Amino acid sequence: MLEKLQTGEIDVKKIWFSDEAYFTLDGHLNKQNYRYWGRERLEITVVRSLHPKKFLVWCAISSHGVFDPIFIDGTLSAANYRKFLDEEFIPFLHGHDLVQGHWFMQDGARPHRTADVFEVLNEHFSDRIIGLDYSSHFQGGIEWPPYSPDLNPCDYYLWGYLKSKVWQTSPTNLPDLKTAITTVVDTIDCEACSRVMVGFQNRLTAVLVKDGGHFEPLYH
């Protein structure tokens, strides 16, 4: 894939990266990112529910911005995944001329890899799919390496950014949490997304340098 980016066969500005993540009402700020300076040590207890209220969020990001989050109560299934791709995400892309020449990336989650899902993706993106098992159903496509969140902009940028901003608002119920997520997504501009896309290509290079191993220390 790096070779295709370097030769211009794939334009990193024309890739939609997608992923899902759970958001809960028990979210808290990462203590490694926040410091309190004082003369006395503060003892802070974070209280969490045994079974916190939560929902699944699906997002897609490219240099054009972040697609409005899809909220999923319960678990993701192939049926509801195909439904919102076919009825919400893909129509939006067509309406903004963001399908022709663009690629779509998804990870190897089981609901992503059914024949019905691949059929929808093939209808609109043809062979411009980056995802596990796509090539076993249709010609073309690029395999996405399993267990590689350090390569997906949703994982190395979007989810962390959203959660850090959303949890600062301390939402007390699920509707407020959904509103907070949507509000933060709306603040992410194309300039920030473009920088993230450049970071993706740099990370691919780092993978080669580390021969497929962990590269975060090298990258940072």
C-alpha atoms as a PDB file:
ATOM      1  CA  MET A   1       0.000   0.000   0.000  1.00  0.00           C
ATOM      2  CA  LEU A   2       2.851   2.370   0.784  1.00  0.00           C
ATOM      3  CA  GLU A   3       4.181   1.834  -2.729  1.00  0.00           C
ATOM      4  CA  LYS A   4       0.782   2.755  -4.210  1.00  0.00           C
ATOM      5  CA  LEU A   5       0.770   5.943  -2.135  1.00  0.00           C
ATOM      6  CA  GLN A   6       4.313   6.825  -3.158  1.00  0.00           C
ATOM      7  CA  THR A   7       3.612   6.298  -6.871  1.00  0.00           C
ATOM      8  CA  GLY A   8       0.360   8.242  -6.715  1.00  0.00           C
ATOM      9  CA  GLU A   9      -1.828   5.256  -7.555  1.00  0.00           C
ATOM     10  CA  ILE A  10      -3.623   5.989  -4.277  1.00  0.00           C
ATOM     11  CA  ASP A  11      -4.071   9.534  -2.990  1.00  0.00           C
ATOM     12  CA  VAL A  12      -3.998   9.560   0.814  1.00  0.00           C
ATOM     13  CA  LYS A  13      -6.406  12.507   0.657  1.00  0.00           C
ATOM     14  CA  LYS A  14      -8.961  10.211  -0.961  1.00  0.00           C
ATOM     15  CA  ILE A  15      -9.201   7.441   1.626  1.00  0.00           C
ATOM     16  CA  TRP A  16     -12.105   7.108   4.048  1.00  0.00           C
ATOM     17  CA  PHE A  17     -10.987   5.288   7.208  1.00  0.00           C
ATOM     18  CA  SER A  18     -13.737   3.824   9.397  1.00  0.00           C
ATOM     19  CA  ASP A  19     -14.039   2.203  12.808  1.00  0.00           C
ATOM     20  CA  GLU A  20     -16.296   1.691  15.842  1.00  0.00           C
ATOM     21  CA  ALA A  21     -15.725   2.443  19.518  1.00  0.00           C
ATOM     22  CA  TYR A  22     -17.794   2.239  22.694  1.00  0.00           C
ATOM     23  CA  PHE A  23     -18.566   5.371  24.693  1.00  0.00           C
ATOM     24  CA  THR A  24     -19.802   5.092  28.280  1.00  0.00           C
ATOM     25  CA  LEU A  25     -21.148   7.463  30.919  1.00  0.00           C
ATOM     26  CA  ASP A  26     -18.277   6.400  33.162  1.00  0.00           C
ATOM     27  CA  GLY A  27     -15.706   7.967  30.870  1.00  0.00           C
ATOM     28  CA  HIS A  28     -12.852   9.812  32.536  1.00  0.00           C
ATOM     29  CA  LEU A  29      -9.872  11.878  31.475  1.00  0.00           C
ATOM     30  CA  ASN A  30      -6.549  10.158  31.011  1.00  0.00           C
ATOM     31  CA  LYS A  31      -4.507  10.914  34.118  1.00  0.00           C
ATOM     32  CA  GLN A  32      -1.320  10.784  32.044  1.00  0.00           C
ATOM     33  CA  ASN A  33      -2.486  13.823  30.074  1.00  0.00           C
ATOM     34  CA  TYR A  34      -3.445  16.049  32.998  1.00  0.00           C
ATOM     35  CA  ARG A  35      -1.337  17.297  35.918  1.00  0.00           C
ATOM     36  CA  TYR A  36      -2.123  19.249  39.082  1.00  0.00           C
ATOM     37  CA  TRP A  37       0.750  21.142  40.709  1.00  0.00           C
ATOM     38  CA  GLY A  38       0.488  21.762  44.456  1.00  0.00           C
ATOM     39  CA  ARG A  39       2.157  21.363  47.829  1.00  0.00           C
ATOM     40  CA  GLU A  40      -0.042  18.490  48.941  1.00  0.00           C
ATOM     41  CA  ARG A  41      -0.860  15.238  47.238  1.00  0.00           C
ATOM     42  CA  LEU A  42      -4.478  14.964  46.145  1.00  0.00           C
ATOM     43  CA  GLU A  43      -6.283  11.670  46.572  1.00  0.00           C
ATOM     44  CA  ILE A  44      -8.833  11.362  43.790  1.00  0.00           C
ATOM     45  CA  THR A  45     -11.131   8.376  43.442  1.00  0.00           C
ATOM     46  CA  VAL A  46     -12.723   7.564  40.107  1.00  0.00           C
ATOM     47  CA  VAL A  47     -16.032   5.765  40.633  1.00  0.00           C
ATOM     48  CA  ARG A  48     -17.176   3.442  37.862  1.00  0.00           C
ATOM     49  CA  SER A  49     -20.325   1.364  37.498  1.00  0.00           C
ATOM     50  CA  LEU A  50     -20.015  -2.387  37.172  1.00  0.00           C
ATOM     51  CA  HIS A  51     -22.129  -2.269  34.011  1.00  0.00           C
ATOM     52  CA  PRO A  52     -21.961   1.329  32.745  1.00  0.00           C
ATOM     53  CA  LYS A  53     -24.482   2.591  30.227  1.00  0.00           C
ATOM     54  CA  LYS A  54     -22.887   2.692  26.818  1.00  0.00           C
ATOM     55  CA  PHE A  55     -23.432   2.665  23.093  1.00  0.00           C
ATOM     56  CA  LEU A  56     -21.336   1.999  20.023  1.00  0.00           C
ATOM     57  CA  VAL A  57     -20.223   4.826  17.753  1.00  0.00           C
ATOM     58  CA  TRP A  58     -19.214   4.380  14.113  1.00  0.00           C
ATOM     59  CA  CYS A  59     -17.242   7.109  12.378  1.00  0.00           C
ATOM     60  CA  ALA A  60     -15.359   7.631   9.154  1.00  0.00           C
ATOM     61  CA  ILE A  61     -12.576  10.157   8.634  1.00  0.00           C
ATOM     62  CA  SER A  62     -10.725  11.479   5.597  1.00  0.00           C
ATOM     63  CA  SER A  63      -8.992  14.684   4.584  1.00  0.00           C
ATOM     64  CA  HIS A  64     -12.480  16.002   3.824  1.00  0.00           C
ATOM     65  CA  GLY A  65     -13.485  15.782   7.483  1.00  0.00           C
ATOM     66  CA  VAL A  66     -15.322  13.411   9.810  1.00  0.00           C
ATOM     67  CA  PHE A  67     -18.639  11.908   8.761  1.00  0.00           C
ATOM     68  CA  ASP A  68     -21.385  12.497  11.339  1.00  0.00           C
ATOM     69  CA  PRO A  69     -21.250   9.715  13.950  1.00  0.00           C
ATOM     70  CA  ILE A  70     -23.605   6.759  13.684  1.00  0.00           C
ATOM     71  CA  PHE A  71     -24.914   5.651  17.091  1.00  0.00           C
ATOM     72  CA  ILE A  72     -25.621   1.959  17.613  1.00  0.00           C
ATOM     73  CA  ASP A  73     -27.470   0.741  20.695  1.00  0.00           C
ATOM     74  CA  GLY A  74     -26.252  -2.769  21.424  1.00  0.00           C
ATOM     75  CA  THR A  75     -23.789  -4.549  19.188  1.00  0.00           C
ATOM     76  CA  LEU A  76     -22.879  -4.104  15.552  1.00  0.00           C
ATOM     77  CA  SER A  77     -24.350  -6.676  13.178  1.00  0.00           C
ATOM     78  CA  ALA A  78     -23.785  -7.188   9.484  1.00  0.00           C
ATOM     79  CA  ALA A  79     -27.401  -6.151   8.895  1.00  0.00           C
ATOM     80  CA  ASN A  80     -27.276  -2.789  10.655  1.00  0.00           C
ATOM     81  CA  TYR A  81     -23.775  -2.126   9.308  1.00  0.00           C
ATOM     82  CA  ARG A  82     -24.934  -2.642   5.740  1.00  0.00           C
ATOM     83  CA  LYS A  83     -28.063  -0.581   6.414  1.00  0.00           C
ATOM     84  CA  PHE A  84     -26.299   2.600   7.517  1.00  0.00           C
ATOM     85  CA  LEU A  85     -23.624   2.251   4.848  1.00  0.00           C
ATOM     86  CA  ASP A  86     -26.295   1.904   2.181  1.00  0.00           C
ATOM     87  CA  GLU A  87     -28.774   4.464   3.532  1.00  0.00           C
ATOM     88  CA  GLU A  88     -26.618   7.112   5.228  1.00  0.00           C
ATOM     89  CA  PHE A  89     -22.878   7.036   4.590  1.00  0.00           C
ATOM     90  CA  ILE A  90     -22.702   6.193   0.893  1.00  0.00           C
ATOM     91  CA  PRO A  91     -25.570   8.531  -0.142  1.00  0.00           C
ATOM     92  CA  PHE A  92     -23.779  11.350   1.699  1.00  0.00           C
ATOM     93  CA  LEU A  93     -20.570  10.633  -0.217  1.00  0.00           C
ATOM     94  CA  HIS A  94     -22.388  10.585  -3.553  1.00  0.00           C
ATOM     95  CA  GLY A  95     -24.093  13.856  -2.674  1.00  0.00           C
ATOM     96  CA  HIS A  96     -20.714  15.506  -2.127  1.00  0.00           C
ATOM     97  CA  ASP A  97     -18.857  13.826  -5.026  1.00  0.00           C
ATOM     98  CA  LEU A  98     -16.674  11.823  -2.623  1.00  0.00           C
ATOM     99  CA  VAL A  99     -16.994   8.317  -4.096  1.00  0.00           C
ATOM    100  CA  GLN A 100     -15.389   8.438  -7.541  1.00  0.00           C
ATOM    101  CA  GLY A 101     -11.657   7.892  -7.135  1.00  0.00           C
ATOM    102  CA  HIS A 102     -11.967   7.483  -3.371  1.00  0.00           C
ATOM    103  CA  TRP A 103     -11.072   4.423  -1.285  1.00  0.00           C
ATOM    104  CA  PHE A 104     -12.891   2.979   1.725  1.00  0.00           C
ATOM    105  CA  MET A 105     -11.091   1.277   4.596  1.00  0.00           C
ATOM    106  CA  GLN A 106     -12.604  -0.984   7.243  1.00  0.00           C
ATOM    107  CA  ASP A 107     -10.969  -3.319   9.757  1.00  0.00           C
ATOM    108  CA  GLY A 108     -11.502  -7.058  10.028  1.00  0.00           C
ATOM    109  CA  ALA A 109     -14.454  -7.102  12.438  1.00  0.00           C
ATOM    110  CA  ARG A 110     -16.761 -10.001  11.582  1.00  0.00           C
ATOM    111  CA  PRO A 111     -19.828  -7.867  10.674  1.00  0.00           C
ATOM    112  CA  HIS A 112     -17.684  -6.039   8.098  1.00  0.00           C
ATOM    113  CA  ARG A 113     -16.833  -9.196   6.189  1.00  0.00           C
ATOM    114  CA  THR A 114     -20.109 -10.678   4.996  1.00  0.00           C
ATOM    115  CA  ALA A 115     -21.016 -11.159   1.351  1.00  0.00           C
ATOM    116  CA  ASP A 116     -23.881  -8.662   1.667  1.00  0.00           C
ATOM    117  CA  VAL A 117     -21.602  -5.936   3.020  1.00  0.00           C
ATOM    118  CA  PHE A 118     -18.945  -6.549   0.390  1.00  0.00           C
ATOM    119  CA  GLU A 119     -21.634  -6.433  -2.294  1.00  0.00           C
ATOM    120  CA  VAL A 120     -22.675  -2.920  -1.241  1.00  0.00           C
ATOM    121  CA  LEU A 121     -19.071  -1.741  -1.074  1.00  0.00           C
ATOM    122  CA  ASN A 122     -18.255  -3.234  -4.460  1.00  0.00           C
ATOM    123  CA  GLU A 123     -21.283  -1.581  -6.055  1.00  0.00           C
ATOM    124  CA  HIS A 124     -20.029   1.879  -5.108  1.00  0.00           C
ATOM    125  CA  PHE A 125     -16.254   1.603  -4.651  1.00  0.00           C
ATOM    126  CA  SER A 126     -15.474  -1.263  -7.038  1.00  0.00           C
ATOM    127  CA  ASP A 127     -11.929  -2.462  -6.236  1.00  0.00           C
ATOM    128  CA  ARG A 128     -11.093   0.588  -4.095  1.00  0.00           C
ATOM    129  CA  ILE A 129     -11.586  -1.251  -0.812  1.00  0.00           C
ATOM    130  CA  ILE A 130      -8.998  -1.649   1.928  1.00  0.00           C
ATOM    131  CA  GLY A 131     -10.200  -4.458   4.140  1.00  0.00           C
ATOM    132  CA  LEU A 132      -9.675  -8.023   5.262  1.00  0.00           C
ATOM    133  CA  ASP A 133     -11.176 -10.744   3.005  1.00  0.00           C
ATOM    134  CA  TYR A 134     -12.529  -8.392   0.335  1.00  0.00           C
ATOM    135  CA  SER A 135     -10.357 -10.002  -2.337  1.00  0.00           C
ATOM    136  CA  SER A 136     -11.924 -13.400  -1.586  1.00  0.00           C
ATOM    137  CA  HIS A 137     -15.297 -12.051  -2.767  1.00  0.00           C
ATOM    138  CA  PHE A 138     -14.349  -9.587  -5.505  1.00  0.00           C
ATOM    139  CA  GLN A 139     -11.300  -8.815  -7.590  1.00  0.00           C
ATOM    140  CA  GLY A 140      -8.972  -6.108  -6.403  1.00  0.00           C
ATOM    141  CA  GLY A 141      -8.853  -4.377  -3.072  1.00  0.00           C
ATOM    142  CA  ILE A 142      -6.061  -4.238  -0.515  1.00  0.00           C
ATOM    143  CA  GLU A 143      -5.894  -6.430   2.573  1.00  0.00           C
ATOM    144  CA  TRP A 144      -5.943  -4.502   5.855  1.00  0.00           C
ATOM    145  CA  PRO A 145      -3.537  -6.066   8.386  1.00  0.00           C
ATOM    146  CA  PRO A 146      -5.405  -7.438  11.433  1.00  0.00           C
ATOM    147  CA  TYR A 147      -4.687  -6.061  14.909  1.00  0.00           C
ATOM    148  CA  SER A 148      -3.155  -2.832  13.628  1.00  0.00           C
ATOM    149  CA  PRO A 149      -4.950   0.060  15.375  1.00  0.00           C
ATOM    150  CA  ASP A 150      -1.734   2.086  15.229  1.00  0.00           C
ATOM    151  CA  LEU A 151      -2.354   2.469  11.481  1.00  0.00           C
ATOM    152  CA  ASN A 152      -6.000   3.537  11.596  1.00  0.00           C
ATOM    153  CA  PRO A 153      -6.526   7.311  12.053  1.00  0.00           C
ATOM    154  CA  CYS A 154      -9.715   6.552  13.967  1.00  0.00           C
ATOM    155  CA  ASP A 155      -7.655   4.696  16.566  1.00  0.00           C
ATOM    156  CA  TYR A 156      -4.515   6.799  16.767  1.00  0.00           C
ATOM    157  CA  TYR A 157      -6.339  10.134  16.575  1.00  0.00           C
ATOM    158  CA  LEU A 158     -10.119  10.319  16.439  1.00  0.00           C
ATOM    159  CA  TRP A 159     -11.290   8.204  19.380  1.00  0.00           C
ATOM    160  CA  GLY A 160      -8.774   9.626  21.823  1.00  0.00           C
ATOM    161  CA  TYR A 161      -9.516  13.184  20.767  1.00  0.00           C
ATOM    162  CA  LEU A 162     -13.275  12.706  20.981  1.00  0.00           C
ATOM    163  CA  LYS A 163     -13.191  11.044  24.383  1.00  0.00           C
ATOM    164  CA  SER A 164     -10.856  13.626  25.905  1.00  0.00           C
ATOM    165  CA  LYS A 165     -13.125  16.458  24.753  1.00  0.00           C
ATOM    166  CA  VAL A 166     -16.461  14.772  25.432  1.00  0.00           C
ATOM    167  CA  TRP A 167     -15.635  13.674  28.963  1.00  0.00           C
ATOM    168  CA  GLN A 168     -14.637  17.197  29.907  1.00  0.00           C
ATOM    169  CA  THR A 169     -18.347  18.071  29.586  1.00  0.00           C
ATOM    170  CA  SER A 170     -19.331  15.358  32.117  1.00  0.00           C
ATOM    171  CA  PRO A 171     -22.545  14.187  30.394  1.00  0.00           C
ATOM    172  CA  THR A 172     -24.987  12.543  32.807  1.00  0.00           C
ATOM    173  CA  ASN A 173     -27.191  10.605  30.390  1.00  0.00           C
ATOM    174  CA  LEU A 174     -26.877   8.912  27.016  1.00  0.00           C
ATOM    175  CA  PRO A 175     -28.697  11.605  24.982  1.00  0.00           C
ATOM    176  CA  ASP A 176     -26.337  14.248  26.385  1.00  0.00           C
ATOM    177  CA  LEU A 177     -23.372  12.006  25.604  1.00  0.00           C
ATOM    178  CA  LYS A 178     -24.512  11.614  22.002  1.00  0.00           C
ATOM    179  CA  THR A 179     -25.003  15.369  21.686  1.00  0.00           C
ATOM    180  CA  ALA A 180     -21.524  16.006  23.094  1.00  0.00           C
ATOM    181  CA  ILE A 181     -19.943  13.586  20.617  1.00  0.00           C
ATOM    182  CA  THR A 182     -21.715  15.185  17.661  1.00  0.00           C
ATOM    183  CA  THR A 183     -20.729  18.655  18.855  1.00  0.00           C
ATOM    184  CA  VAL A 184     -17.045  17.739  19.112  1.00  0.00           C
ATOM    185  CA  VAL A 185     -17.073  16.037  15.701  1.00  0.00           C
ATOM    186  CA  ASP A 186     -18.458  19.243  14.194  1.00  0.00           C
ATOM    187  CA  THR A 187     -15.428  21.169  15.500  1.00  0.00           C
ATOM    188  CA  ILE A 188     -12.883  18.973  13.691  1.00  0.00           C
ATOM    189  CA  ASP A 189     -11.892  20.831  10.533  1.00  0.00           C
ATOM    190  CA  CYS A 190     -10.423  19.618   7.253  1.00  0.00           C
ATOM    191  CA  GLU A 191      -7.002  21.050   8.079  1.00  0.00           C
ATOM    192  CA  ALA A 192      -6.698  18.837  11.156  1.00  0.00           C
ATOM    193  CA  CYS A 193      -7.901  15.822   9.191  1.00  0.00           C
ATOM    194  CA  SER A 194      -5.363  16.467   6.423  1.00  0.00           C
ATOM    195  CA  ARG A 195      -2.534  16.433   8.976  1.00  0.00           C
ATOM    196  CA  VAL A 196      -3.826  13.113  10.286  1.00  0.00           C
ATOM    197  CA  MET A 197      -3.785  11.654   6.765  1.00  0.00           C
ATOM    198  CA  VAL A 198      -0.143  12.668   6.303  1.00  0.00           C
ATOM    199  CA  GLY A 199       0.547  10.896   9.581  1.00  0.00           C
ATOM    200  CA  PHE A 200      -0.939   7.695   8.150  1.00  0.00           C
ATOM    201  CA  GLN A 201       1.619   7.536   5.350  1.00  0.00           C
ATOM    202  CA  ASN A 202       4.426   8.230   7.824  1.00  0.00           C
ATOM    203  CA  ARG A 203       3.193   5.364   9.981  1.00  0.00           C
ATOM    204  CA  LEU A 204       3.297   2.961   7.049  1.00  0.00           C
ATOM    205  CA  THR A 205       6.941   3.917   6.557  1.00  0.00           C
ATOM    206  CA  ALA A 206       7.605   3.321  10.261  1.00  0.00           C
ATOM    207  CA  VAL A 207       6.106  -0.179   9.981  1.00  0.00           C
ATOM    208  CA  LEU A 208       8.663  -1.037   7.303  1.00  0.00           C
ATOM    209  CA  VAL A 209      11.515   0.378   9.371  1.00  0.00           C
ATOM    210  CA  LYS A 210      10.457  -1.802  12.313  1.00  0.00           C
ATOM    211  CA  ASP A 211       9.842  -4.825  10.066  1.00  0.00           C
ATOM    212  CA  GLY A 212       6.201  -4.997  11.074  1.00  0.00           C
ATOM    213  CA  GLY A 213       6.842  -4.583  14.800  1.00  0.00           C
ATOM    214  CA  HIS A 214       5.693  -1.897  17.220  1.00  0.00           C
ATOM    215  CA  PHE A 215       6.822   1.490  16.030  1.00  0.00           C
ATOM    216  CA  GLU A 216       5.251   4.065  18.355  1.00  0.00           C
ATOM    217  CA  PRO A 217       8.557   4.871  20.152  1.00  0.00           C
ATOM    218  CA  LEU A 218      10.250   5.323  16.771  1.00  0.00           C
ATOM    219  CA  TYR A 219       7.384   7.353  15.363  1.00  0.00           C
ATOM    220  CA  HIS A 220       7.209   9.738  18.302  1.00  0.00           C
END
